[in-house]
Amino acid sequence: MQARRWMWILWPAFLLACALEALVFALVDPGDLNWHGQALGASRQAIYTIGFFVFWLLGMGAGALTLMLARPASEINRPES
């Protein structure tokens, strides 16, 4: 059951990261990104990769929070055996 819950979190988050990656980097050129007025100094591919994993982590956080809030009270208040 635990593996099933992980897949409920990971797969939609992966699809969200794919869509966000395409949307954001269709509008933003990674070569134009700056951090505190300085160029990032990373290759475009590195920025794409970091962006994808950031989007995936955000999607996983949203999915995990949704699953946590959807748990029934009986499951939360059940005494441990």
Protein backbone atom coordinates (compact mmCIF):
# COMPACT_ATOMS: atom_id res chain seq x y z
CA MET A 1 0.00 0.00 0.00
CA GLN A 2 2.87 2.38 0.76
CA ALA A 3 4.31 1.98 -2.77
CA ARG A 4 0.89 2.82 -4.19
CA ARG A 5 0.77 6.07 -2.22
CA TRP A 6 4.23 7.00 -3.45
CA MET A 7 3.05 6.51 -7.02
CA TRP A 8 0.00 8.70 -6.30
CA ILE A 9 2.49 11.42 -5.42
CA LEU A 10 5.35 10.84 -7.88
CA TRP A 11 3.56 10.27 -11.19
CA PRO A 12 1.28 13.34 -11.20
CA ALA A 13 4.19 15.44 -9.91
CA PHE A 14 6.34 14.18 -12.80
CA LEU A 15 3.66 15.09 -15.34
CA LEU A 16 3.27 18.52 -13.73
CA ALA A 17 7.05 19.07 -13.88
CA CYS A 18 7.07 18.15 -17.58
CA ALA A 19 4.28 20.61 -18.35
CA LEU A 20 5.80 23.41 -16.25
CA GLU A 21 9.22 22.85 -17.79
CA ALA A 22 7.78 23.23 -21.27
CA LEU A 23 5.70 26.26 -20.33
CA VAL A 24 8.30 28.17 -18.32
CA PHE A 25 11.22 27.62 -20.65
CA ALA A 26 9.10 28.40 -23.70
CA LEU A 27 8.74 31.88 -22.19
CA VAL A 28 12.10 32.30 -20.40
CA ASP A 29 15.54 31.91 -21.91
CA PRO A 30 17.89 30.28 -19.36
CA GLY A 31 20.75 32.38 -20.72
CA ASP A 32 18.97 35.56 -19.56
CA LEU A 33 18.55 34.45 -15.94
CA ASN A 34 20.45 36.38 -13.27
CA TRP A 35 21.02 35.87 -9.54
CA HIS A 36 21.76 39.07 -7.59
CA GLY A 37 22.69 40.85 -10.79
CA GLN A 38 25.15 38.18 -11.89
CA ALA A 39 24.70 35.62 -14.66
CA LEU A 40 24.09 32.14 -13.28
CA GLY A 41 27.22 30.72 -14.85
CA ALA A 42 25.63 27.35 -15.60
CA SER A 43 24.91 25.81 -18.97
CA ARG A 44 21.40 25.93 -20.39
CA GLN A 45 21.08 22.18 -19.96
CA ALA A 46 21.99 22.47 -16.27
CA ILE A 47 19.39 25.18 -15.75
CA TYR A 48 16.76 23.08 -17.54
CA THR A 49 17.64 20.11 -15.34
CA ILE A 50 17.59 22.08 -12.09
CA GLY A 51 14.30 23.70 -13.11
CA PHE A 52 12.74 20.31 -13.84
CA PHE A 53 13.74 18.90 -10.45
CA VAL A 54 12.55 22.02 -8.63
CA PHE A 55 9.17 21.76 -10.38
CA TRP A 56 9.04 18.03 -9.57
CA LEU A 57 9.79 18.65 -5.89
CA LEU A 58 7.09 21.31 -5.70
CA GLY A 59 4.62 18.92 -7.32
CA MET A 60 5.60 16.16 -4.89
CA GLY A 61 5.08 18.52 -1.96
CA ALA A 62 1.63 19.47 -3.18
CA GLY A 63 0.68 15.83 -3.78
CA ALA A 64 1.99 14.69 -0.39
CA LEU A 65 0.12 17.48 1.37
CA THR A 66 -3.06 16.55 -0.48
CA LEU A 67 -2.75 12.90 0.53
CA MET A 68 -1.98 13.84 4.12
CA LEU A 69 -5.05 16.07 4.34
CA ALA A 70 -7.26 13.45 2.67
CA ARG A 71 -6.58 10.80 5.32
CA PRO A 72 -9.65 9.85 7.35
CA ALA A 73 -9.70 10.62 11.07
CA SER A 74 -9.93 6.92 11.91
CA GLU A 75 -6.58 6.30 10.24
CA ILE A 76 -4.92 9.24 12.01
CA ASN A 77 -6.32 8.52 15.46
CA ARG A 78 -5.79 4.76 15.32
CA PRO A 79 -3.59 3.59 18.22
CA GLU A 80 -0.36 1.96 17.13
CA SER A 81 -0.14 -1.76 17.78
